[in-house]
Amino acid sequence: MMAPVSRFPMEFPSPITTHAHGQTLVIMAKAPRPGMVKTRLTQSLPPTAVTALYRCLLEDTLELARSLSGVEVAMMCPHSDVGELGSLAGDGVQVLAQRGEGLAAGLTSVFAHFAAGHRRVIAFNSDSPHLPASVLINAFQSLAQHDVVIGPTYDGGYYLVGAKAFHPTLFEGDGMGTANALELLRARAQLLALSADFTDPFYDIDVASDLIRLADELRLAPSRASRTAAWLEQWEQAMALLRANM
């Protein structure tokens, strides 16, 4: 089922000024390799096309992150991906290997490494570059009054999570990739007596219906994610077939 039409503005200004309080945005990433990224989309598109799409999403996410002034940008990834992602990210972006396997281990690694001295840290997915920058700014600001901030997705997951301290068991039994990942994280925060705030719901790109929605939005405002918009234009015929089969 398609999610409701986004209530967010269609464009975000660049650069965006934030209030510096020691802030880090960490992109949860993988190297763009066939069969390793966005595998659910390969049911509808060739693996090489999906890999190219993911690279566009990731590069547009980096551009979004860099539009935030006063925010350090980093990446967390599997150990085997550090070299490739370091080359992709370029100067000024620290690329770190997570400890352990899976997304829960990656998220734990983010806060273990960065959340020291009440630094505000947000872990952000790599496939929502169309998110308005104001949402990220507000998430950082939310950490002034709350222990954690969570960005829910319409499908029961979350696209960002932030904290200003390391909570070693926050992602235990996280259930990432399941339809109740958000509720599990909410329950875990409550168990740890952490105050939680929530951003507006949004969507990431997991399945064909997500991609169709993104194509509709970027057709009106391609600058929100210019590389992804160019990919969608290149694959316009394939997208038309996806629409016909929905």
C-alpha atoms as a PDB file:
ATOM      1  CA  MET A   1       0.000   0.000   0.000  1.00  0.00           C
ATOM      2  CA  MET A   2       1.299   3.412  -0.880  1.00  0.00           C
ATOM      3  CA  ALA A   3       2.032   5.739   2.013  1.00  0.00           C
ATOM      4  CA  PRO A   4       0.235   9.085   2.304  1.00  0.00           C
ATOM      5  CA  VAL A   5       1.551  11.968   0.265  1.00  0.00           C
ATOM      6  CA  SER A   6       4.459  13.653   2.023  1.00  0.00           C
ATOM      7  CA  ARG A   7       3.651  16.749   4.046  1.00  0.00           C
ATOM      8  CA  PHE A   8       7.211  18.033   3.720  1.00  0.00           C
ATOM      9  CA  PRO A   9       8.242  20.952   1.490  1.00  0.00           C
ATOM     10  CA  MET A  10       9.470  19.997  -1.931  1.00  0.00           C
ATOM     11  CA  GLU A  11      12.843  21.782  -1.731  1.00  0.00           C
ATOM     12  CA  PHE A  12      15.491  22.253   0.922  1.00  0.00           C
ATOM     13  CA  PRO A  13      17.870  25.225   1.017  1.00  0.00           C
ATOM     14  CA  SER A  14      21.631  24.765   0.855  1.00  0.00           C
ATOM     15  CA  PRO A  15      23.606  25.176   2.947  1.00  0.00           C
ATOM     16  CA  ILE A  16      21.506  24.747   6.071  1.00  0.00           C
ATOM     17  CA  THR A  17      22.749  26.349   9.264  1.00  0.00           C
ATOM     18  CA  THR A  18      22.464  24.409  12.499  1.00  0.00           C
ATOM     19  CA  HIS A  19      23.400  25.388  16.026  1.00  0.00           C
ATOM     20  CA  ALA A  20      26.742  23.701  16.729  1.00  0.00           C
ATOM     21  CA  HIS A  21      26.674  21.585  19.876  1.00  0.00           C
ATOM     22  CA  GLY A  22      29.075  18.883  18.753  1.00  0.00           C
ATOM     23  CA  GLN A  23      26.873  17.166  16.163  1.00  0.00           C
ATOM     24  CA  THR A  24      27.607  14.144  13.977  1.00  0.00           C
ATOM     25  CA  LEU A  25      25.448  12.600  11.255  1.00  0.00           C
ATOM     26  CA  VAL A  26      26.488   9.008  10.563  1.00  0.00           C
ATOM     27  CA  ILE A  27      25.226   7.397   7.353  1.00  0.00           C
ATOM     28  CA  MET A  28      24.624   3.651   7.647  1.00  0.00           C
ATOM     29  CA  ALA A  29      26.030   2.416   4.350  1.00  0.00           C
ATOM     30  CA  LYS A  30      27.160  -0.538   2.294  1.00  0.00           C
ATOM     31  CA  ALA A  31      29.412  -0.605  -0.735  1.00  0.00           C
ATOM     32  CA  PRO A  32      27.273  -0.573  -3.915  1.00  0.00           C
ATOM     33  CA  ARG A  33      27.788  -4.140  -5.132  1.00  0.00           C
ATOM     34  CA  PRO A  34      25.337  -6.348  -7.059  1.00  0.00           C
ATOM     35  CA  GLY A  35      23.392  -8.682  -4.802  1.00  0.00           C
ATOM     36  CA  MET A  36      24.415  -6.834  -1.628  1.00  0.00           C
ATOM     37  CA  VAL A  37      22.159  -3.762  -1.642  1.00  0.00           C
ATOM     38  CA  LYS A  38      18.418  -3.203  -2.075  1.00  0.00           C
ATOM     39  CA  THR A  39      17.891  -6.879  -2.853  1.00  0.00           C
ATOM     40  CA  ARG A  40      14.095  -6.662  -2.643  1.00  0.00           C
ATOM     41  CA  LEU A  41      14.125  -4.376  -5.670  1.00  0.00           C
ATOM     42  CA  THR A  42      15.867  -7.053  -7.749  1.00  0.00           C
ATOM     43  CA  GLN A  43      12.485  -8.787  -7.990  1.00  0.00           C
ATOM     44  CA  SER A  44      11.509  -5.932 -10.313  1.00  0.00           C
ATOM     45  CA  LEU A  45      14.778  -4.614 -11.792  1.00  0.00           C
ATOM     46  CA  PRO A  46      18.133  -6.070 -12.933  1.00  0.00           C
ATOM     47  CA  PRO A  47      20.707  -6.339 -10.117  1.00  0.00           C
ATOM     48  CA  THR A  48      23.117  -4.034 -11.947  1.00  0.00           C
ATOM     49  CA  ALA A  49      20.410  -1.365 -12.224  1.00  0.00           C
ATOM     50  CA  VAL A  50      19.559  -1.706  -8.537  1.00  0.00           C
ATOM     51  CA  THR A  51      23.226  -1.357  -7.639  1.00  0.00           C
ATOM     52  CA  ALA A  52      23.493   1.811  -9.719  1.00  0.00           C
ATOM     53  CA  LEU A  53      20.340   3.131  -8.045  1.00  0.00           C
ATOM     54  CA  TYR A  54      21.781   2.496  -4.589  1.00  0.00           C
ATOM     55  CA  ARG A  55      24.962   4.342  -5.500  1.00  0.00           C
ATOM     56  CA  CYS A  56      22.863   7.330  -6.563  1.00  0.00           C
ATOM     57  CA  LEU A  57      20.854   7.193  -3.340  1.00  0.00           C
ATOM     58  CA  LEU A  58      24.037   7.039  -1.294  1.00  0.00           C
ATOM     59  CA  GLU A  59      25.739   9.903  -3.126  1.00  0.00           C
ATOM     60  CA  ASP A  60      22.608  12.042  -2.817  1.00  0.00           C
ATOM     61  CA  THR A  61      22.458  11.198   0.889  1.00  0.00           C
ATOM     62  CA  LEU A  62      26.029  12.428   1.246  1.00  0.00           C
ATOM     63  CA  GLU A  63      25.069  15.659  -0.510  1.00  0.00           C
ATOM     64  CA  LEU A  64      22.146  16.124   1.877  1.00  0.00           C
ATOM     65  CA  ALA A  65      24.404  15.496   4.868  1.00  0.00           C
ATOM     66  CA  ARG A  66      26.991  17.973   3.634  1.00  0.00           C
ATOM     67  CA  SER A  67      24.318  20.658   3.266  1.00  0.00           C
ATOM     68  CA  LEU A  68      24.133  20.861   7.068  1.00  0.00           C
ATOM     69  CA  SER A  69      26.670  23.359   8.345  1.00  0.00           C
ATOM     70  CA  GLY A  70      28.152  22.677  11.767  1.00  0.00           C
ATOM     71  CA  VAL A  71      27.566  18.945  11.434  1.00  0.00           C
ATOM     72  CA  GLU A  72      30.333  16.367  11.092  1.00  0.00           C
ATOM     73  CA  VAL A  73      29.527  13.699   8.493  1.00  0.00           C
ATOM     74  CA  ALA A  74      30.673  10.087   8.843  1.00  0.00           C
ATOM     75  CA  MET A  75      29.820   6.615   7.559  1.00  0.00           C
ATOM     76  CA  MET A  76      29.511   3.304   9.378  1.00  0.00           C
ATOM     77  CA  CYS A  77      29.759   0.149   7.288  1.00  0.00           C
ATOM     78  CA  PRO A  78      30.892  -3.490   7.252  1.00  0.00           C
ATOM     79  CA  HIS A  79      34.648  -3.917   7.500  1.00  0.00           C
ATOM     80  CA  SER A  80      34.932  -5.198   3.923  1.00  0.00           C
ATOM     81  CA  ASP A  81      33.353  -1.999   2.555  1.00  0.00           C
ATOM     82  CA  VAL A  82      35.599   0.617   4.191  1.00  0.00           C
ATOM     83  CA  GLY A  83      38.025   1.096   1.296  1.00  0.00           C
ATOM     84  CA  GLU A  84      35.394   1.379  -1.427  1.00  0.00           C
ATOM     85  CA  LEU A  85      33.182   3.697   0.583  1.00  0.00           C
ATOM     86  CA  GLY A  86      36.161   5.813   1.587  1.00  0.00           C
ATOM     87  CA  SER A  87      36.890   6.443  -2.087  1.00  0.00           C
ATOM     88  CA  LEU A  88      33.228   7.172  -2.798  1.00  0.00           C
ATOM     89  CA  ALA A  89      32.815   9.557   0.133  1.00  0.00           C
ATOM     90  CA  GLY A  90      35.979  11.542  -0.520  1.00  0.00           C
ATOM     91  CA  ASP A  91      37.688  13.987   1.795  1.00  0.00           C
ATOM     92  CA  GLY A  92      36.047  15.171   4.985  1.00  0.00           C
ATOM     93  CA  VAL A  93      33.961  12.069   5.655  1.00  0.00           C
ATOM     94  CA  GLN A  94      35.247   9.542   8.166  1.00  0.00           C
ATOM     95  CA  VAL A  95      34.398   5.961   7.146  1.00  0.00           C
ATOM     96  CA  LEU A  96      34.483   3.446   9.986  1.00  0.00           C
ATOM     97  CA  ALA A  97      34.078  -0.330  10.179  1.00  0.00           C
ATOM     98  CA  GLN A  98      31.387  -1.527  12.515  1.00  0.00           C
ATOM     99  CA  ARG A  99      32.021  -4.150  15.145  1.00  0.00           C
ATOM    100  CA  GLY A 100      29.931  -7.240  14.468  1.00  0.00           C
ATOM    101  CA  GLU A 101      27.509  -8.033  11.677  1.00  0.00           C
ATOM    102  CA  GLY A 102      24.114  -6.644  10.854  1.00  0.00           C
ATOM    103  CA  LEU A 103      22.456  -3.281  11.251  1.00  0.00           C
ATOM    104  CA  ALA A 104      21.921  -3.532  15.004  1.00  0.00           C
ATOM    105  CA  ALA A 105      25.674  -4.061  15.440  1.00  0.00           C
ATOM    106  CA  GLY A 106      26.301  -1.114  13.149  1.00  0.00           C
ATOM    107  CA  LEU A 107      24.019   1.175  15.139  1.00  0.00           C
ATOM    108  CA  THR A 108      25.637   0.081  18.393  1.00  0.00           C
ATOM    109  CA  SER A 109      29.030   0.849  16.864  1.00  0.00           C
ATOM    110  CA  VAL A 110      27.900   4.348  15.865  1.00  0.00           C
ATOM    111  CA  PHE A 111      27.024   5.425  19.374  1.00  0.00           C
ATOM    112  CA  ALA A 112      29.907   3.559  21.003  1.00  0.00           C
ATOM    113  CA  HIS A 113      32.308   5.533  18.813  1.00  0.00           C
ATOM    114  CA  PHE A 114      30.724   8.962  18.500  1.00  0.00           C
ATOM    115  CA  ALA A 115      28.415   9.581  21.478  1.00  0.00           C
ATOM    116  CA  ALA A 116      30.992  10.822  23.979  1.00  0.00           C
ATOM    117  CA  GLY A 117      30.808  13.980  26.060  1.00  0.00           C
ATOM    118  CA  HIS A 118      27.103  14.529  25.306  1.00  0.00           C
ATOM    119  CA  ARG A 119      27.802  14.881  21.582  1.00  0.00           C
ATOM    120  CA  ARG A 120      24.584  14.733  19.592  1.00  0.00           C
ATOM    121  CA  VAL A 121      24.756  11.833  17.161  1.00  0.00           C
ATOM    122  CA  ILE A 122      22.239  10.745  14.537  1.00  0.00           C
ATOM    123  CA  ALA A 123      22.483   7.508  12.581  1.00  0.00           C
ATOM    124  CA  PHE A 124      20.729   7.966   9.228  1.00  0.00           C
ATOM    125  CA  ASN A 125      19.883   5.465   6.522  1.00  0.00           C
ATOM    126  CA  SER A 126      21.429   5.721   3.078  1.00  0.00           C
ATOM    127  CA  ASP A 127      18.237   5.570   1.017  1.00  0.00           C
ATOM    128  CA  SER A 128      16.234   8.646   2.016  1.00  0.00           C
ATOM    129  CA  PRO A 129      18.162  11.477   0.342  1.00  0.00           C
ATOM    130  CA  HIS A 130      14.849  13.143  -0.473  1.00  0.00           C
ATOM    131  CA  LEU A 131      14.232  13.817   3.231  1.00  0.00           C
ATOM    132  CA  PRO A 132      14.016  17.571   3.894  1.00  0.00           C
ATOM    133  CA  ALA A 133      17.109  18.804   5.711  1.00  0.00           C
ATOM    134  CA  SER A 134      14.854  20.520   8.241  1.00  0.00           C
ATOM    135  CA  VAL A 135      13.912  17.099   9.614  1.00  0.00           C
ATOM    136  CA  LEU A 136      17.552  16.350  10.406  1.00  0.00           C
ATOM    137  CA  ILE A 137      18.033  19.787  11.960  1.00  0.00           C
ATOM    138  CA  ASN A 138      14.976  19.317  14.157  1.00  0.00           C
ATOM    139  CA  ALA A 139      16.182  15.854  15.169  1.00  0.00           C
ATOM    140  CA  PHE A 140      19.487  17.277  16.388  1.00  0.00           C
ATOM    141  CA  GLN A 141      17.660  20.022  18.268  1.00  0.00           C
ATOM    142  CA  SER A 142      15.332  17.472  19.852  1.00  0.00           C
ATOM    143  CA  LEU A 143      18.304  15.896  21.604  1.00  0.00           C
ATOM    144  CA  ALA A 144      18.595  19.005  23.772  1.00  0.00           C
ATOM    145  CA  GLN A 145      15.482  17.843  25.662  1.00  0.00           C
ATOM    146  CA  HIS A 146      15.373  14.093  25.009  1.00  0.00           C
ATOM    147  CA  ASP A 147      17.692  11.122  25.418  1.00  0.00           C
ATOM    148  CA  VAL A 148      16.884   9.666  22.003  1.00  0.00           C
ATOM    149  CA  VAL A 149      15.128  10.761  18.833  1.00  0.00           C
ATOM    150  CA  ILE A 150      13.602   8.351  16.312  1.00  0.00           C
ATOM    151  CA  GLY A 151      12.433   8.885  12.736  1.00  0.00           C
ATOM    152  CA  PRO A 152       9.664   6.351  11.988  1.00  0.00           C
ATOM    153  CA  THR A 153       8.940   4.940   8.556  1.00  0.00           C
ATOM    154  CA  TYR A 154       5.456   4.147   7.355  1.00  0.00           C
ATOM    155  CA  ASP A 155       6.261   0.425   7.171  1.00  0.00           C
ATOM    156  CA  GLY A 156       7.061   0.018  10.869  1.00  0.00           C
ATOM    157  CA  GLY A 157      10.798   0.672  10.786  1.00  0.00           C
ATOM    158  CA  TYR A 158      12.805   3.850  11.225  1.00  0.00           C
ATOM    159  CA  TYR A 159      15.017   5.971   9.003  1.00  0.00           C
ATOM    160  CA  LEU A 160      17.046   7.649  11.740  1.00  0.00           C
ATOM    161  CA  VAL A 161      17.859   7.271  15.406  1.00  0.00           C
ATOM    162  CA  GLY A 162      19.781   9.748  17.499  1.00  0.00           C
ATOM    163  CA  ALA A 163      21.210   9.938  20.999  1.00  0.00           C
ATOM    164  CA  LYS A 164      23.667  11.995  23.032  1.00  0.00           C
ATOM    165  CA  ALA A 165      25.091   9.087  25.042  1.00  0.00           C
ATOM    166  CA  PHE A 166      26.019   5.459  24.446  1.00  0.00           C
ATOM    167  CA  HIS A 167      23.392   2.978  25.635  1.00  0.00           C
ATOM    168  CA  PRO A 168      24.986  -0.456  25.045  1.00  0.00           C
ATOM    169  CA  THR A 169      21.745  -2.462  25.070  1.00  0.00           C
ATOM    170  CA  LEU A 170      19.509  -0.036  23.141  1.00  0.00           C
ATOM    171  CA  PHE A 171      19.578  -2.162  19.985  1.00  0.00           C
ATOM    172  CA  GLU A 172      19.550  -5.593  21.627  1.00  0.00           C
ATOM    173  CA  GLY A 173      16.979  -7.807  19.923  1.00  0.00           C
ATOM    174  CA  ASP A 174      16.438  -4.881  17.593  1.00  0.00           C
ATOM    175  CA  GLY A 175      14.600  -6.794  14.871  1.00  0.00           C
ATOM    176  CA  MET A 176      15.833  -4.511  12.106  1.00  0.00           C
ATOM    177  CA  GLY A 177      14.203  -5.319   8.823  1.00  0.00           C
ATOM    178  CA  THR A 178      10.994  -6.462  10.479  1.00  0.00           C
ATOM    179  CA  ALA A 179       7.618  -4.743  10.457  1.00  0.00           C
ATOM    180  CA  ASN A 180       7.810  -4.068  14.201  1.00  0.00           C
ATOM    181  CA  ALA A 181      11.370  -2.696  14.397  1.00  0.00           C
ATOM    182  CA  LEU A 182      10.073   0.700  15.516  1.00  0.00           C
ATOM    183  CA  GLU A 183       7.992  -0.741  18.327  1.00  0.00           C
ATOM    184  CA  LEU A 184      10.901  -2.878  19.513  1.00  0.00           C
ATOM    185  CA  LEU A 185      13.156   0.171  19.667  1.00  0.00           C
ATOM    186  CA  ARG A 186      10.486   2.223  21.419  1.00  0.00           C
ATOM    187  CA  ALA A 187      10.016  -0.535  23.990  1.00  0.00           C
ATOM    188  CA  ARG A 188      13.759  -0.832  24.508  1.00  0.00           C
ATOM    189  CA  ALA A 189      14.095   2.898  25.134  1.00  0.00           C
ATOM    190  CA  GLN A 190      11.239   2.741  27.618  1.00  0.00           C
ATOM    191  CA  LEU A 191      12.852  -0.216  29.412  1.00  0.00           C
ATOM    192  CA  LEU A 192      16.067   1.801  29.740  1.00  0.00           C
ATOM    193  CA  ALA A 193      14.076   4.780  31.074  1.00  0.00           C
ATOM    194  CA  LEU A 194      15.136   6.965  28.151  1.00  0.00           C
ATOM    195  CA  SER A 195      12.977   9.862  27.050  1.00  0.00           C
ATOM    196  CA  ALA A 196      12.205   9.613  23.340  1.00  0.00           C
ATOM    197  CA  ASP A 197      11.048  12.106  20.753  1.00  0.00           C
ATOM    198  CA  PHE A 198       9.846  11.305  17.234  1.00  0.00           C
ATOM    199  CA  THR A 199      10.258  13.097  13.936  1.00  0.00           C
ATOM    200  CA  ASP A 200       7.537  13.097  11.290  1.00  0.00           C
ATOM    201  CA  PRO A 201       7.081   9.730   9.540  1.00  0.00           C
ATOM    202  CA  PHE A 202       8.812   9.308   6.199  1.00  0.00           C
ATOM    203  CA  TYR A 203       9.691   6.524   3.777  1.00  0.00           C
ATOM    204  CA  ASP A 204      12.822   4.849   2.495  1.00  0.00           C
ATOM    205  CA  ILE A 205      13.314   2.882  -0.707  1.00  0.00           C
ATOM    206  CA  ASP A 206      12.781  -0.834  -0.154  1.00  0.00           C
ATOM    207  CA  VAL A 207      10.223  -2.053  -2.679  1.00  0.00           C
ATOM    208  CA  ALA A 208       8.805  -1.077  -6.061  1.00  0.00           C
ATOM    209  CA  SER A 209       5.967   1.025  -4.620  1.00  0.00           C
ATOM    210  CA  ASP A 210       8.515   3.134  -2.717  1.00  0.00           C
ATOM    211  CA  LEU A 211      10.462   3.697  -5.916  1.00  0.00           C
ATOM    212  CA  ILE A 212       7.336   4.724  -7.821  1.00  0.00           C
ATOM    213  CA  ARG A 213       6.447   7.237  -5.127  1.00  0.00           C
ATOM    214  CA  LEU A 214       9.972   8.638  -5.189  1.00  0.00           C
ATOM    215  CA  ALA A 215       9.850   8.957  -8.980  1.00  0.00           C
ATOM    216  CA  ASP A 216       6.617  10.965  -8.745  1.00  0.00           C
ATOM    217  CA  GLU A 217       8.144  13.336  -6.177  1.00  0.00           C
ATOM    218  CA  LEU A 218      11.477  13.803  -7.958  1.00  0.00           C
ATOM    219  CA  ARG A 219       9.757  14.460 -11.273  1.00  0.00           C
ATOM    220  CA  LEU A 220       8.414  17.627  -9.638  1.00  0.00           C
ATOM    221  CA  ALA A 221      11.597  18.513  -7.728  1.00  0.00           C
ATOM    222  CA  PRO A 222      14.642  16.658  -9.106  1.00  0.00           C
ATOM    223  CA  SER A 223      17.075  18.798  -7.104  1.00  0.00           C
ATOM    224  CA  ARG A 224      16.008  17.019  -3.928  1.00  0.00           C
ATOM    225  CA  ALA A 225      18.126  14.061  -5.079  1.00  0.00           C
ATOM    226  CA  SER A 226      19.640  14.921  -8.439  1.00  0.00           C
ATOM    227  CA  ARG A 227      21.601  11.712  -9.113  1.00  0.00           C
ATOM    228  CA  THR A 228      18.637   9.545  -8.190  1.00  0.00           C
ATOM    229  CA  ALA A 229      16.369  11.674 -10.382  1.00  0.00           C
ATOM    230  CA  ALA A 230      18.747  11.154 -13.310  1.00  0.00           C
ATOM    231  CA  TRP A 231      18.734   7.385 -12.721  1.00  0.00           C
ATOM    232  CA  LEU A 232      14.927   7.357 -12.677  1.00  0.00           C
ATOM    233  CA  GLU A 233      14.848   9.259 -15.956  1.00  0.00           C
ATOM    234  CA  GLN A 234      17.267   6.772 -17.502  1.00  0.00           C
ATOM    235  CA  TRP A 235      15.066   3.874 -16.380  1.00  0.00           C
ATOM    236  CA  GLU A 236      11.789   5.559 -17.291  1.00  0.00           C
ATOM    237  CA  GLN A 237      10.532   2.646 -19.394  1.00  0.00           C
ATOM    238  CA  ALA A 238      11.205   0.151 -16.612  1.00  0.00           C
ATOM    239  CA  MET A 239       9.398   2.433 -14.179  1.00  0.00           C
ATOM    240  CA  ALA A 240       6.400   2.529 -16.509  1.00  0.00           C
ATOM    241  CA  LEU A 241       6.257  -1.270 -16.394  1.00  0.00           C
ATOM    242  CA  LEU A 242       6.421  -1.198 -12.607  1.00  0.00           C
ATOM    243  CA  ARG A 243       3.484   1.196 -12.505  1.00  0.00           C
ATOM    244  CA  ALA A 244       1.477  -1.032 -14.840  1.00  0.00           C
ATOM    245  CA  ASN A 245       2.053  -4.028 -12.582  1.00  0.00           C
ATOM    246  CA  MET A 246       1.149  -2.313  -9.310  1.00  0.00           C
END
